[in-house]
Amino acid sequence: MINRRIAYFLFSLALVFTSLMAQAQQQNTEKGPVNEMLRSNGKIYVVVVVLVIIFIGIILYLIRLDRKISKLEHQQQSKS
């Protein structure tokens, strides 16, 4: 029961933050010289790809770390 409430709360919170971020991005549509240069040269895509690769690497590292910790916890419980 409590887990369902926590999941519902987190989902609602994620929706609120997503909508706030979307509104903030819509209001900030100034085109600075750096943005125009990156878009005209096509380098903005390189920046996005690098950020996605870093983000995926962090997520994979956290998943791997969680599995190792779970394995160690299981071994510790079986010994005691």
PDB file of N, CA and C in Angstrom:
ATOM      1  N   MET A   1       0.820  -1.192   0.000  1.00  0.00           N
ATOM      2  CA  MET A   1       0.000   0.000   0.000  1.00  0.00           C
ATOM      3  C   MET A   1       0.867   1.260   0.000  1.00  0.00           C
ATOM      4  N   ILE A   2       1.878   1.275   0.883  1.00  0.00           N
ATOM      5  CA  ILE A   2       2.743   2.444   0.959  1.00  0.00           C
ATOM      6  C   ILE A   2       3.592   2.557  -0.303  1.00  0.00           C
ATOM      7  N   ASN A   3       4.061   1.426  -0.825  1.00  0.00           N
ATOM      8  CA  ASN A   3       4.875   1.455  -2.041  1.00  0.00           C
ATOM      9  C   ASN A   3       4.094   2.025  -3.212  1.00  0.00           C
ATOM     10  N   ARG A   4       2.819   1.711  -3.280  1.00  0.00           N
ATOM     11  CA  ARG A   4       1.980   2.233  -4.355  1.00  0.00           C
ATOM     12  C   ARG A   4       1.826   3.745  -4.219  1.00  0.00           C
ATOM     13  N   ARG A   5       1.684   4.219  -2.994  1.00  0.00           N
ATOM     14  CA  ARG A   5       1.559   5.664  -2.775  1.00  0.00           C
ATOM     15  C   ARG A   5       2.850   6.380  -3.139  1.00  0.00           C
ATOM     16  N   ILE A   6       3.965   5.790  -2.767  1.00  0.00           N
ATOM     17  CA  ILE A   6       5.252   6.397  -3.098  1.00  0.00           C
ATOM     18  C   ILE A   6       5.449   6.429  -4.607  1.00  0.00           C
ATOM     19  N   ALA A   7       5.108   5.349  -5.284  1.00  0.00           N
ATOM     20  CA  ALA A   7       5.242   5.300  -6.741  1.00  0.00           C
ATOM     21  C   ALA A   7       4.338   6.339  -7.397  1.00  0.00           C
ATOM     22  N   TYR A   8       3.115   6.480  -6.895  1.00  0.00           N
ATOM     23  CA  TYR A   8       2.189   7.468  -7.446  1.00  0.00           C
ATOM     24  C   TYR A   8       2.728   8.879  -7.225  1.00  0.00           C
ATOM     25  N   PHE A   9       3.263   9.130  -6.032  1.00  0.00           N
ATOM     26  CA  PHE A   9       3.819  10.441  -5.728  1.00  0.00           C
ATOM     27  C   PHE A   9       5.004  10.758  -6.634  1.00  0.00           C
ATOM     28  N   LEU A  10       5.911   9.807  -6.809  1.00  0.00           N
ATOM     29  CA  LEU A  10       7.074  10.029  -7.662  1.00  0.00           C
ATOM     30  C   LEU A  10       6.682  10.241  -9.120  1.00  0.00           C
ATOM     31  N   PHE A  11       5.678   9.497  -9.568  1.00  0.00           N
ATOM     32  CA  PHE A  11       5.204   9.668 -10.939  1.00  0.00           C
ATOM     33  C   PHE A  11       4.597  11.058 -11.125  1.00  0.00           C
ATOM     34  N   SER A  12       3.803  11.494 -10.161  1.00  0.00           N
ATOM     35  CA  SER A  12       3.200  12.827 -10.230  1.00  0.00           C
ATOM     36  C   SER A  12       4.272  13.905 -10.205  1.00  0.00           C
ATOM     37  N   LEU A  13       5.268  13.715  -9.365  1.00  0.00           N
ATOM     38  CA  LEU A  13       6.360  14.673  -9.276  1.00  0.00           C
ATOM     39  C   LEU A  13       7.132  14.752 -10.594  1.00  0.00           C
ATOM     40  N   ALA A  14       7.351  13.611 -11.223  1.00  0.00           N
ATOM     41  CA  ALA A  14       8.049  13.589 -12.511  1.00  0.00           C
ATOM     42  C   ALA A  14       7.244  14.318 -13.582  1.00  0.00           C
ATOM     43  N   LEU A  15       5.931  14.141 -13.573  1.00  0.00           N
ATOM     44  CA  LEU A  15       5.092  14.840 -14.544  1.00  0.00           C
ATOM     45  C   LEU A  15       5.134  16.349 -14.336  1.00  0.00           C
ATOM     46  N   VAL A  16       5.109  16.777 -13.090  1.00  0.00           N
ATOM     47  CA  VAL A  16       5.161  18.211 -12.800  1.00  0.00           C
ATOM     48  C   VAL A  16       6.482  18.797 -13.267  1.00  0.00           C
ATOM     49  N   PHE A  17       7.596  18.134 -12.942  1.00  0.00           N
ATOM     50  CA  PHE A  17       8.895  18.639 -13.364  1.00  0.00           C
ATOM     51  C   PHE A  17       9.036  18.647 -14.879  1.00  0.00           C
ATOM     52  N   THR A  18       8.492  17.641 -15.534  1.00  0.00           N
ATOM     53  CA  THR A  18       8.562  17.595 -16.993  1.00  0.00           C
ATOM     54  C   THR A  18       7.810  18.760 -17.610  1.00  0.00           C
ATOM     55  N   SER A  19       6.629  19.045 -17.094  1.00  0.00           N
ATOM     56  CA  SER A  19       5.853  20.157 -17.645  1.00  0.00           C
ATOM     57  C   SER A  19       6.524  21.491 -17.355  1.00  0.00           C
ATOM     58  N   LEU A  20       7.125  21.634 -16.177  1.00  0.00           N
ATOM     59  CA  LEU A  20       7.828  22.877 -15.860  1.00  0.00           C
ATOM     60  C   LEU A  20       9.047  23.068 -16.755  1.00  0.00           C
ATOM     61  N   MET A  21       9.760  21.993 -17.019  1.00  0.00           N
ATOM     62  CA  MET A  21      10.926  22.090 -17.894  1.00  0.00           C
ATOM     63  C   MET A  21      10.513  22.445 -19.319  1.00  0.00           C
ATOM     64  N   ALA A  22       9.402  21.891 -19.771  1.00  0.00           N
ATOM     65  CA  ALA A  22       8.923  22.190 -21.120  1.00  0.00           C
ATOM     66  C   ALA A  22       8.535  23.659 -21.235  1.00  0.00           C
ATOM     67  N   GLN A  23       7.890  24.187 -20.214  1.00  0.00           N
ATOM     68  CA  GLN A  23       7.514  25.597 -20.238  1.00  0.00           C
ATOM     69  C   GLN A  23       8.741  26.490 -20.198  1.00  0.00           C
ATOM     70  N   ALA A  24       9.731  26.114 -19.408  1.00  0.00           N
ATOM     71  CA  ALA A  24      10.947  26.916 -19.314  1.00  0.00           C
ATOM     72  C   ALA A  24      11.693  26.932 -20.646  1.00  0.00           C
ATOM     73  N   GLN A  25      11.686  25.818 -21.347  1.00  0.00           N
ATOM     74  CA  GLN A  25      12.377  25.766 -22.629  1.00  0.00           C
ATOM     75  C   GLN A  25      11.637  26.567 -23.689  1.00  0.00           C
ATOM     76  N   GLN A  26      10.324  26.596 -23.619  1.00  0.00           N
ATOM     77  CA  GLN A  26       9.556  27.357 -24.594  1.00  0.00           C
ATOM     78  C   GLN A  26       9.768  28.852 -24.405  1.00  0.00           C
ATOM     79  N   GLN A  27       9.924  29.305 -23.171  1.00  0.00           N
ATOM     80  CA  GLN A  27      10.102  30.724 -22.906  1.00  0.00           C
ATOM     81  C   GLN A  27      11.500  31.194 -23.282  1.00  0.00           C
ATOM     82  N   ASN A  28      12.480  30.330 -23.192  1.00  0.00           N
ATOM     83  CA  ASN A  28      13.858  30.700 -23.473  1.00  0.00           C
ATOM     84  C   ASN A  28      14.208  30.320 -24.908  1.00  0.00           C
ATOM     85  N   THR A  29      13.761  31.134 -25.848  1.00  0.00           N
ATOM     86  CA  THR A  29      14.016  30.832 -27.257  1.00  0.00           C
ATOM     87  C   THR A  29      14.992  31.829 -27.878  1.00  0.00           C
ATOM     88  N   GLU A  30      15.789  32.485 -27.032  1.00  0.00           N
ATOM     89  CA  GLU A  30      16.767  33.422 -27.568  1.00  0.00           C
ATOM     90  C   GLU A  30      17.814  32.662 -28.372  1.00  0.00           C
ATOM     91  N   LYS A  31      18.166  33.241 -29.498  1.00  0.00           N
ATOM     92  CA  LYS A  31      19.191  32.613 -30.331  1.00  0.00           C
ATOM     93  C   LYS A  31      20.471  33.415 -30.174  1.00  0.00           C
ATOM     94  N   GLY A  32      21.369  32.854 -29.389  1.00  0.00           N
ATOM     95  CA  GLY A  32      22.657  33.503 -29.193  1.00  0.00           C
ATOM     96  C   GLY A  32      23.608  33.132 -30.309  1.00  0.00           C
ATOM     97  N   PRO A  33      24.727  33.820 -30.377  1.00  0.00           N
ATOM     98  CA  PRO A  33      25.697  33.527 -31.441  1.00  0.00           C
ATOM     99  C   PRO A  33      26.289  32.120 -31.333  1.00  0.00           C
ATOM    100  N   VAL A  34      26.444  31.628 -30.107  1.00  0.00           N
ATOM    101  CA  VAL A  34      27.007  30.283 -29.945  1.00  0.00           C
ATOM    102  C   VAL A  34      26.016  29.243 -30.447  1.00  0.00           C
ATOM    103  N   ASN A  35      24.736  29.407 -30.102  1.00  0.00           N
ATOM    104  CA  ASN A  35      23.721  28.460 -30.558  1.00  0.00           C
ATOM    105  C   ASN A  35      23.621  28.447 -32.076  1.00  0.00           C
ATOM    106  N   GLU A  36      23.651  29.617 -32.675  1.00  0.00           N
ATOM    107  CA  GLU A  36      23.551  29.681 -34.137  1.00  0.00           C
ATOM    108  C   GLU A  36      24.767  29.039 -34.796  1.00  0.00           C
ATOM    109  N   MET A  37      25.951  29.253 -34.220  1.00  0.00           N
ATOM    110  CA  MET A  37      27.161  28.673 -34.797  1.00  0.00           C
ATOM    111  C   MET A  37      27.126  27.149 -34.699  1.00  0.00           C
ATOM    112  N   LEU A  38      26.734  26.628 -33.528  1.00  0.00           N
ATOM    113  CA  LEU A  38      26.693  25.176 -33.364  1.00  0.00           C
ATOM    114  C   LEU A  38      25.661  24.548 -34.289  1.00  0.00           C
ATOM    115  N   ARG A  39      24.529  25.202 -34.440  1.00  0.00           N
ATOM    116  CA  ARG A  39      23.493  24.650 -35.324  1.00  0.00           C
ATOM    117  C   ARG A  39      23.908  24.729 -36.785  1.00  0.00           C
ATOM    118  N   SER A  40      24.523  25.815 -37.174  1.00  0.00           N
ATOM    119  CA  SER A  40      24.894  25.963 -38.582  1.00  0.00           C
ATOM    120  C   SER A  40      25.995  24.984 -38.972  1.00  0.00           C
ATOM    121  N   ASN A  41      26.893  24.684 -38.065  1.00  0.00           N
ATOM    122  CA  ASN A  41      27.980  23.749 -38.362  1.00  0.00           C
ATOM    123  C   ASN A  41      27.596  22.303 -38.128  1.00  0.00           C
ATOM    124  N   GLY A  42      26.445  22.063 -37.514  1.00  0.00           N
ATOM    125  CA  GLY A  42      26.024  20.706 -37.221  1.00  0.00           C
ATOM    126  C   GLY A  42      26.705  20.120 -35.996  1.00  0.00           C
ATOM    127  N   LYS A  43      27.399  20.949 -35.240  1.00  0.00           N
ATOM    128  CA  LYS A  43      28.123  20.456 -34.071  1.00  0.00           C
ATOM    129  C   LYS A  43      27.217  20.252 -32.867  1.00  0.00           C
ATOM    130  N   ILE A  44      26.027  20.802 -32.899  1.00  0.00           N
ATOM    131  CA  ILE A  44      25.102  20.613 -31.787  1.00  0.00           C
ATOM    132  C   ILE A  44      24.764  19.141 -31.633  1.00  0.00           C
ATOM    133  N   TYR A  45      24.736  18.427 -32.744  1.00  0.00           N
ATOM    134  CA  TYR A  45      24.441  16.996 -32.693  1.00  0.00           C
ATOM    135  C   TYR A  45      25.580  16.231 -32.029  1.00  0.00           C
ATOM    136  N   VAL A  46      26.798  16.676 -32.244  1.00  0.00           N
ATOM    137  CA  VAL A  46      27.950  16.048 -31.599  1.00  0.00           C
ATOM    138  C   VAL A  46      27.864  16.239 -30.089  1.00  0.00           C
ATOM    139  N   VAL A  47      27.491  17.432 -29.664  1.00  0.00           N
ATOM    140  CA  VAL A  47      27.351  17.716 -28.235  1.00  0.00           C
ATOM    141  C   VAL A  47      26.267  16.834 -27.632  1.00  0.00           C
ATOM    142  N   VAL A  48      25.138  16.716 -28.314  1.00  0.00           N
ATOM    143  CA  VAL A  48      24.035  15.894 -27.816  1.00  0.00           C
ATOM    144  C   VAL A  48      24.454  14.429 -27.733  1.00  0.00           C
ATOM    145  N   VAL A  49      25.139  13.930 -28.740  1.00  0.00           N
ATOM    146  CA  VAL A  49      25.576  12.529 -28.742  1.00  0.00           C
ATOM    147  C   VAL A  49      26.552  12.268 -27.597  1.00  0.00           C
ATOM    148  N   VAL A  50      27.479  13.182 -27.366  1.00  0.00           N
ATOM    149  CA  VAL A  50      28.440  13.008 -26.270  1.00  0.00           C
ATOM    150  C   VAL A  50      27.717  12.988 -24.926  1.00  0.00           C
ATOM    151  N   LEU A  51      26.761  13.879 -24.733  1.00  0.00           N
ATOM    152  CA  LEU A  51      26.003  13.904 -23.481  1.00  0.00           C
ATOM    153  C   LEU A  51      25.193  12.630 -23.291  1.00  0.00           C
ATOM    154  N   VAL A  52      24.603  12.116 -24.359  1.00  0.00           N
ATOM    155  CA  VAL A  52      23.835  10.872 -24.263  1.00  0.00           C
ATOM    156  C   VAL A  52      24.753   9.708 -23.913  1.00  0.00           C
ATOM    157  N   ILE A  53      25.928   9.656 -24.517  1.00  0.00           N
ATOM    158  CA  ILE A  53      26.879   8.579 -24.217  1.00  0.00           C
ATOM    159  C   ILE A  53      27.312   8.637 -22.755  1.00  0.00           C
ATOM    160  N   ILE A  54      27.593   9.825 -22.258  1.00  0.00           N
ATOM    161  CA  ILE A  54      27.977   9.968 -20.852  1.00  0.00           C
ATOM    162  C   ILE A  54      26.840   9.533 -19.941  1.00  0.00           C
ATOM    163  N   PHE A  55      25.617   9.946 -20.257  1.00  0.00           N
ATOM    164  CA  PHE A  55      24.455   9.586 -19.443  1.00  0.00           C
ATOM    165  C   PHE A  55      24.237   8.076 -19.434  1.00  0.00           C
ATOM    166  N   ILE A  56      24.347   7.442 -20.583  1.00  0.00           N
ATOM    167  CA  ILE A  56      24.183   5.983 -20.663  1.00  0.00           C
ATOM    168  C   ILE A  56      25.287   5.285 -19.870  1.00  0.00           C
ATOM    169  N   GLY A  57      26.507   5.798 -19.956  1.00  0.00           N
ATOM    170  CA  GLY A  57      27.607   5.221 -19.194  1.00  0.00           C
ATOM    171  C   GLY A  57      27.370   5.295 -17.695  1.00  0.00           C
ATOM    172  N   ILE A  58      26.864   6.416 -17.224  1.00  0.00           N
ATOM    173  CA  ILE A  58      26.570   6.556 -15.793  1.00  0.00           C
ATOM    174  C   ILE A  58      25.476   5.594 -15.374  1.00  0.00           C
ATOM    175  N   ILE A  59      24.437   5.460 -16.184  1.00  0.00           N
ATOM    176  CA  ILE A  59      23.339   4.544 -15.848  1.00  0.00           C
ATOM    177  C   ILE A  59      23.838   3.101 -15.816  1.00  0.00           C
ATOM    178  N   LEU A  60      24.632   2.704 -16.804  1.00  0.00           N
ATOM    179  CA  LEU A  60      25.165   1.339 -16.814  1.00  0.00           C
ATOM    180  C   LEU A  60      26.071   1.085 -15.615  1.00  0.00           C
ATOM    181  N   TYR A  61      26.863   2.074 -15.245  1.00  0.00           N
ATOM    182  CA  TYR A  61      27.724   1.937 -14.074  1.00  0.00           C
ATOM    183  C   TYR A  61      26.892   1.749 -12.810  1.00  0.00           C
ATOM    184  N   LEU A  62      25.820   2.531 -12.660  1.00  0.00           N
ATOM    185  CA  LEU A  62      24.970   2.407 -11.475  1.00  0.00           C
ATOM    186  C   LEU A  62      24.262   1.061 -11.425  1.00  0.00           C
ATOM    187  N   ILE A  63      23.826   0.556 -12.569  1.00  0.00           N
ATOM    188  CA  ILE A  63      23.177  -0.762 -12.609  1.00  0.00           C
ATOM    189  C   ILE A  63      24.172  -1.842 -12.207  1.00  0.00           C
ATOM    190  N   ARG A  64      25.380  -1.754 -12.739  1.00  0.00           N
ATOM    191  CA  ARG A  64      26.416  -2.740 -12.412  1.00  0.00           C
ATOM    192  C   ARG A  64      26.774  -2.685 -10.931  1.00  0.00           C
ATOM    193  N   LEU A  65      26.889  -1.490 -10.399  1.00  0.00           N
ATOM    194  CA  LEU A  65      27.198  -1.316  -8.986  1.00  0.00           C
ATOM    195  C   LEU A  65      26.084  -1.866  -8.103  1.00  0.00           C
ATOM    196  N   ASP A  66      24.836  -1.647  -8.504  1.00  0.00           N
ATOM    197  CA  ASP A  66      23.701  -2.164  -7.741  1.00  0.00           C
ATOM    198  C   ASP A  66      23.707  -3.687  -7.719  1.00  0.00           C
ATOM    199  N   ARG A  67      24.031  -4.304  -8.832  1.00  0.00           N
ATOM    200  CA  ARG A  67      24.097  -5.769  -8.885  1.00  0.00           C
ATOM    201  C   ARG A  67      25.200  -6.304  -7.977  1.00  0.00           C
ATOM    202  N   LYS A  68      26.349  -5.645  -7.969  1.00  0.00           N
ATOM    203  CA  LYS A  68      27.443  -6.086  -7.103  1.00  0.00           C
ATOM    204  C   LYS A  68      27.061  -5.950  -5.636  1.00  0.00           C
ATOM    205  N   ILE A  69      26.432  -4.845  -5.284  1.00  0.00           N
ATOM    206  CA  ILE A  69      26.020  -4.641  -3.895  1.00  0.00           C
ATOM    207  C   ILE A  69      24.973  -5.663  -3.496  1.00  0.00           C
ATOM    208  N   SER A  70      24.029  -5.943  -4.379  1.00  0.00           N
ATOM    209  CA  SER A  70      23.005  -6.953  -4.081  1.00  0.00           C
ATOM    210  C   SER A  70      23.638  -8.321  -3.877  1.00  0.00           C
ATOM    211  N   LYS A  71      24.623  -8.647  -4.694  1.00  0.00           N
ATOM    212  CA  LYS A  71      25.316  -9.931  -4.570  1.00  0.00           C
ATOM    213  C   LYS A  71      26.052 -10.019  -3.236  1.00  0.00           C
ATOM    214  N   LEU A  72      26.725  -8.948  -2.843  1.00  0.00           N
ATOM    215  CA  LEU A  72      27.426  -8.930  -1.563  1.00  0.00           C
ATOM    216  C   LEU A  72      26.451  -9.026  -0.391  1.00  0.00           C
ATOM    217  N   GLU A  73      25.312  -8.354  -0.490  1.00  0.00           N
ATOM    218  CA  GLU A  73      24.303  -8.442   0.567  1.00  0.00           C
ATOM    219  C   GLU A  73      23.766  -9.860   0.683  1.00  0.00           C
ATOM    220  N   HIS A  74      23.549 -10.493  -0.452  1.00  0.00           N
ATOM    221  CA  HIS A  74      23.046 -11.870  -0.444  1.00  0.00           C
ATOM    222  C   HIS A  74      24.071 -12.807   0.194  1.00  0.00           C
ATOM    223  N   GLN A  75      25.345 -12.635  -0.135  1.00  0.00           N
ATOM    224  CA  GLN A  75      26.394 -13.460   0.458  1.00  0.00           C
ATOM    225  C   GLN A  75      26.492 -13.218   1.959  1.00  0.00           C
ATOM    226  N   GLN A  76      26.335 -11.982   2.374  1.00  0.00           N
ATOM    227  CA  GLN A  76      26.408 -11.649   3.797  1.00  0.00           C
ATOM    228  C   GLN A  76      25.243 -12.273   4.558  1.00  0.00           C
ATOM    229  N   GLN A  77      24.058 -12.274   3.961  1.00  0.00           N
ATOM    230  CA  GLN A  77      22.887 -12.862   4.618  1.00  0.00           C
ATOM    231  C   GLN A  77      23.008 -14.375   4.697  1.00  0.00           C
ATOM    232  N   SER A  78      23.596 -14.994   3.688  1.00  0.00           N
ATOM    233  CA  SER A  78      23.717 -16.452   3.700  1.00  0.00           C
ATOM    234  C   SER A  78      24.766 -16.921   4.711  1.00  0.00           C
ATOM    235  N   LYS A  79      25.758 -16.094   5.009  1.00  0.00           N
ATOM    236  CA  LYS A  79      26.777 -16.457   5.997  1.00  0.00           C
ATOM    237  C   LYS A  79      26.236 -16.368   7.416  1.00  0.00           C
ATOM    238  N   SER A  80      25.324 -15.446   7.667  1.00  0.00           N
ATOM    239  CA  SER A  80      24.831 -15.274   9.039  1.00  0.00           C
ATOM    240  C   SER A  80      23.540 -15.989   9.297  1.00  0.00           C
TER     241      SER A  80
END
